[in-house]
Amino acid sequence: MVKLTVIIPAYNERQTIEDIIRLVREAPVEAPVDVEKEIIVVDDGSTDGTREILQRLKQEFPDIHVFFHPNNKGKGAAIRTALEHATGDYIVIQDADLEYDPREYGVLLRPLLEGKADVVYGSRFLGPHRAFLFLHYLGNKFLNLVTNILYDTILTDMETCYKMFRADVIKGIPLRARGFEFEPEITAKVLKRGYRVFEVPISYSGRDFEEGKKIHPWKDGLRALWTLIKYRFVD
């Protein structure tokens, strides 16, 4: 038996938060060992009714752990709060929308259980996916290229949400990101420390801005670029 902690940072996800929590709870984890799931949700100061839904779900499902930020601090800050309470052997990040499929946890977990990896990235570019927004596609390709040049690797999807870690790996890395720069920061620090990173194909059903997508190609892309460069030289 192993325990998998699923961290769900949420900000203004009223339309999907209940669906994703139910999917995470119910999704089987196909693995060679029994897997117990620990679900930690951090509401990052939502103002659209997400908090009220989570209060209700917390009563309906006593097995989920819900924490509330009094105001919006960012995805990275929400993940850091969740890490303080995580007790699993392995930890995976799950966005609160429906872009990523929890039924694929087993695909991510297998290389860790087999001792092939310390960290596993689910690559949207290696698996079936809904057509990307063009600017997001270009931004992802550029950031992957910068990552590979700076850190001498061959990642295809640095910005993927689906990153699964051995718990001791992610808990042993000092994290400072407050927002979406969590992805380049954790990638930079994992690679600098020489951890074995394995990529597996995952499916992806990306949403557009009208459906609630929050990443802005230019602002968040520039912040990610600076983060990759900065952590190449500092920690």
Protein backbone atom coordinates (compact mmCIF):
# COMPACT_ATOMS: atom_id res chain seq x y z
CA MET A 1 0.00 0.00 0.00
CA VAL A 2 1.26 3.47 -0.92
CA LYS A 3 -0.36 6.84 -0.30
CA LEU A 4 -0.77 9.36 -3.10
CA THR A 5 -1.43 12.96 -2.10
CA VAL A 6 -3.42 14.90 -4.70
CA ILE A 7 -2.99 18.66 -4.35
CA ILE A 8 -5.75 20.78 -5.92
CA PRO A 9 -5.12 24.56 -5.94
CA ALA A 10 -8.37 26.35 -6.79
CA TYR A 11 -9.24 29.93 -7.64
CA ASN A 12 -12.67 30.91 -8.97
CA GLU A 13 -13.50 27.45 -10.33
CA ARG A 14 -17.18 27.34 -9.42
CA GLN A 15 -18.10 25.62 -12.68
CA THR A 16 -15.72 22.66 -12.26
CA ILE A 17 -14.58 22.28 -8.64
CA GLU A 18 -17.25 19.79 -7.62
CA ASP A 19 -16.77 17.70 -10.76
CA ILE A 20 -12.98 17.51 -10.39
CA ILE A 21 -13.16 16.53 -6.72
CA ARG A 22 -15.64 13.77 -7.50
CA LEU A 23 -13.46 12.56 -10.37
CA VAL A 24 -10.33 12.51 -8.20
CA ARG A 25 -12.14 10.62 -5.43
CA GLU A 26 -13.66 8.05 -7.78
CA ALA A 27 -10.87 7.54 -10.33
CA PRO A 28 -9.14 4.18 -9.94
CA VAL A 29 -5.35 4.24 -9.80
CA GLU A 30 -4.13 1.37 -11.95
CA ALA A 31 -0.88 0.35 -10.28
CA PRO A 32 0.86 -2.88 -9.20
CA VAL A 33 0.19 -1.97 -5.54
CA ASP A 34 -2.84 -0.69 -3.67
CA VAL A 35 -3.01 3.10 -3.65
CA GLU A 36 -4.68 5.22 -0.99
CA LYS A 37 -5.52 8.78 -2.05
CA GLU A 38 -5.19 11.82 0.17
CA ILE A 39 -6.93 14.85 -1.34
CA ILE A 40 -5.89 18.36 -0.29
CA VAL A 41 -7.74 21.34 -1.75
CA VAL A 42 -6.54 24.90 -1.21
CA ASP A 43 -8.99 27.64 -2.13
CA ASP A 44 -6.87 30.64 -3.06
CA GLY A 45 -9.25 33.44 -2.11
CA SER A 46 -12.06 32.65 -4.56
CA THR A 47 -14.86 35.19 -4.91
CA ASP A 48 -17.21 33.40 -7.33
CA GLY A 49 -18.84 30.87 -4.98
CA THR A 50 -16.08 28.24 -5.09
CA ARG A 51 -15.49 28.62 -1.34
CA GLU A 52 -19.13 27.92 -0.53
CA ILE A 53 -19.11 24.80 -2.71
CA LEU A 54 -15.98 23.59 -0.95
CA GLN A 55 -17.54 24.19 2.47
CA ARG A 56 -20.43 21.93 1.42
CA LEU A 57 -18.18 19.26 -0.09
CA LYS A 58 -16.03 19.28 3.04
CA GLN A 59 -19.12 18.21 4.99
CA GLU A 60 -20.20 15.69 2.33
CA PHE A 61 -16.75 14.12 1.97
CA PRO A 62 -14.93 14.17 5.33
CA ASP A 63 -11.94 12.46 3.69
CA ILE A 64 -10.96 15.60 1.72
CA HIS A 65 -8.86 18.26 3.42
CA VAL A 66 -9.77 21.84 2.51
CA PHE A 67 -7.78 24.96 3.38
CA PHE A 68 -8.74 28.55 2.61
CA HIS A 69 -6.53 31.51 1.81
CA PRO A 70 -8.19 34.76 2.96
CA ASN A 71 -7.17 36.40 -0.33
CA ASN A 72 -5.71 35.44 -3.68
CA LYS A 73 -2.00 34.64 -3.39
CA GLY A 74 -1.38 32.55 -6.52
CA LYS A 75 -1.08 28.92 -7.60
CA GLY A 76 2.41 28.50 -6.20
CA ALA A 77 1.35 29.80 -2.80
CA ALA A 78 -1.61 27.41 -2.76
CA ILE A 79 0.65 24.46 -3.57
CA ARG A 80 3.06 25.47 -0.81
CA THR A 81 0.20 25.57 1.69
CA ALA A 82 -0.91 22.10 0.63
CA LEU A 83 2.62 20.70 0.90
CA GLU A 84 2.70 21.66 4.57
CA HIS A 85 -0.15 19.20 5.18
CA ALA A 86 0.70 16.42 2.68
CA THR A 87 1.46 13.01 4.20
CA GLY A 88 1.61 10.84 1.06
CA ASP A 89 4.54 8.82 -0.27
CA TYR A 90 3.99 10.48 -3.63
CA ILE A 91 2.51 13.86 -4.52
CA VAL A 92 0.76 15.01 -7.69
CA ILE A 93 -0.61 18.42 -8.68
CA GLN A 94 -4.16 18.50 -10.08
CA ASP A 95 -5.61 21.70 -11.53
CA ALA A 96 -9.20 22.42 -10.46
CA ASP A 97 -10.51 22.57 -14.02
CA LEU A 98 -11.21 19.55 -16.24
CA GLU A 99 -8.20 19.81 -18.55
CA TYR A 100 -6.37 16.83 -16.99
CA ASP A 101 -7.81 13.36 -16.38
CA PRO A 102 -7.32 11.85 -12.87
CA ARG A 103 -7.76 8.38 -14.36
CA GLU A 104 -4.18 8.73 -15.62
CA TYR A 105 -2.55 8.84 -12.18
CA GLY A 106 -1.47 5.25 -12.64
CA VAL A 107 0.46 6.17 -15.80
CA LEU A 108 2.38 8.79 -13.84
CA LEU A 109 2.92 6.62 -10.79
CA ARG A 110 4.32 3.53 -12.50
CA PRO A 111 7.85 4.87 -13.28
CA LEU A 112 8.14 6.01 -9.65
CA LEU A 113 7.09 2.63 -8.27
CA GLU A 114 9.47 0.87 -10.66
CA GLY A 115 12.37 3.00 -9.42
CA LYS A 116 12.98 4.55 -12.84
CA ALA A 117 12.29 8.13 -11.79
CA ASP A 118 12.19 10.57 -8.92
CA VAL A 119 9.77 12.89 -10.72
CA VAL A 120 7.34 12.15 -13.55
CA TYR A 121 5.96 14.74 -15.97
CA GLY A 122 2.79 14.06 -17.93
CA SER A 123 3.42 15.49 -21.39
CA ARG A 124 0.47 16.95 -23.28
CA PHE A 125 2.53 16.96 -26.46
CA LEU A 126 3.13 13.20 -26.41
CA GLY A 127 -0.51 12.19 -25.91
CA PRO A 128 -3.92 12.92 -27.48
CA HIS A 129 -5.07 16.46 -26.89
CA ARG A 130 -7.58 19.10 -27.86
CA ALA A 131 -6.10 21.64 -30.27
CA PHE A 132 -4.04 24.22 -28.36
CA LEU A 133 -4.48 27.97 -28.53
CA PHE A 134 -1.74 28.98 -30.98
CA LEU A 135 -0.03 31.53 -28.72
CA HIS A 136 -0.01 29.05 -25.84
CA TYR A 137 1.47 26.42 -28.16
CA LEU A 138 4.25 28.76 -29.30
CA GLY A 139 4.90 29.90 -25.74
CA ASN A 140 5.16 26.33 -24.48
CA LYS A 141 7.53 25.34 -27.29
CA PHE A 142 9.76 28.35 -26.62
CA LEU A 143 9.89 27.76 -22.86
CA ASN A 144 10.67 24.08 -23.44
CA LEU A 145 13.55 25.08 -25.70
CA VAL A 146 14.93 27.51 -23.11
CA THR A 147 14.60 24.87 -20.37
CA ASN A 148 16.43 22.28 -22.44
CA ILE A 149 19.26 24.67 -23.33
CA LEU A 150 19.74 26.00 -19.80
CA TYR A 151 19.47 22.66 -18.00
CA ASP A 152 20.78 20.23 -20.63
CA THR A 153 17.65 18.11 -20.88
CA ILE A 154 15.05 17.08 -23.48
CA LEU A 155 11.69 17.82 -21.83
CA THR A 156 8.72 18.23 -24.16
CA ASP A 157 6.33 19.86 -21.67
CA MET A 158 7.88 21.83 -18.83
CA GLU A 159 4.64 23.73 -18.16
CA THR A 160 2.44 20.65 -17.67
CA CYS A 161 0.29 20.66 -14.54
CA TYR A 162 0.70 16.90 -14.14
CA LYS A 163 3.91 16.56 -12.21
CA MET A 164 4.19 13.66 -9.76
CA PHE A 165 6.98 13.55 -7.19
CA ARG A 166 8.41 11.32 -4.56
CA ALA A 167 7.33 13.22 -1.46
CA ASP A 168 10.86 13.61 -0.14
CA VAL A 169 11.93 15.23 -3.42
CA ILE A 170 9.42 18.07 -3.55
CA LYS A 171 9.45 18.60 0.21
CA GLY A 172 13.22 18.89 0.15
CA ILE A 173 13.23 21.73 -2.38
CA PRO A 174 12.85 25.34 -1.17
CA LEU A 175 9.98 26.89 -3.14
CA ARG A 176 9.37 30.61 -3.44
CA ALA A 177 6.86 30.90 -6.30
CA ARG A 178 3.54 32.51 -5.55
CA GLY A 179 1.92 32.28 -8.98
CA PHE A 180 2.21 30.28 -12.19
CA GLU A 181 5.99 30.55 -12.05
CA PHE A 182 5.80 27.47 -9.82
CA GLU A 183 6.20 25.29 -12.95
CA PRO A 184 9.55 26.70 -14.14
CA GLU A 185 10.84 27.04 -10.57
CA ILE A 186 10.22 23.42 -9.61
CA THR A 187 11.53 22.23 -12.97
CA ALA A 188 14.73 24.25 -12.65
CA LYS A 189 15.41 23.07 -9.12
CA VAL A 190 14.61 19.42 -9.85
CA LEU A 191 16.99 19.42 -12.82
CA LYS A 192 19.76 21.31 -11.01
CA ARG A 193 19.67 18.73 -8.22
CA GLY A 194 20.10 15.89 -10.68
CA TYR A 195 16.83 14.11 -9.96
CA ARG A 196 15.69 11.59 -12.56
CA VAL A 197 12.80 13.04 -14.56
CA PHE A 198 10.62 10.72 -16.63
CA GLU A 199 8.01 11.86 -19.17
CA VAL A 200 4.86 9.93 -20.01
CA PRO A 201 2.11 10.77 -22.52
CA ILE A 202 -1.17 12.06 -21.10
CA SER A 203 -4.41 13.26 -22.65
CA TYR A 204 -5.31 16.92 -22.46
CA SER A 205 -8.55 18.82 -22.97
CA GLY A 206 -7.42 22.43 -22.88
CA ARG A 207 -9.91 25.21 -22.36
CA ASP A 208 -9.90 28.73 -23.79
CA PHE A 209 -10.26 32.08 -22.03
CA GLU A 210 -14.06 32.10 -22.39
CA GLU A 211 -14.09 28.77 -20.54
CA GLY A 212 -12.01 30.19 -17.69
CA LYS A 213 -8.36 29.77 -18.66
CA LYS A 214 -6.26 32.06 -16.47
CA ILE A 215 -2.72 31.95 -17.87
CA HIS A 216 -1.85 35.00 -19.99
CA PRO A 217 0.69 34.16 -22.74
CA TRP A 218 2.80 37.34 -22.55
CA LYS A 219 2.74 38.25 -18.86
CA ASP A 220 3.05 34.72 -17.50
CA GLY A 221 5.37 33.68 -20.33
CA LEU A 222 7.85 36.45 -19.53
CA ARG A 223 7.67 35.62 -15.82
CA ALA A 224 8.36 31.96 -16.61
CA LEU A 225 11.31 32.89 -18.81
CA TRP A 226 12.83 35.06 -16.08
CA THR A 227 12.29 32.29 -13.52
CA LEU A 228 14.11 29.74 -15.69
CA ILE A 229 17.07 32.08 -16.16
CA LYS A 230 17.20 33.20 -12.51
CA TYR A 231 17.21 29.70 -11.03
CA ARG A 232 19.93 28.57 -13.38
CA PHE A 233 22.28 30.70 -11.27
CA VAL A 234 20.62 30.99 -7.83
CA ASP A 235 18.55 28.73 -5.58
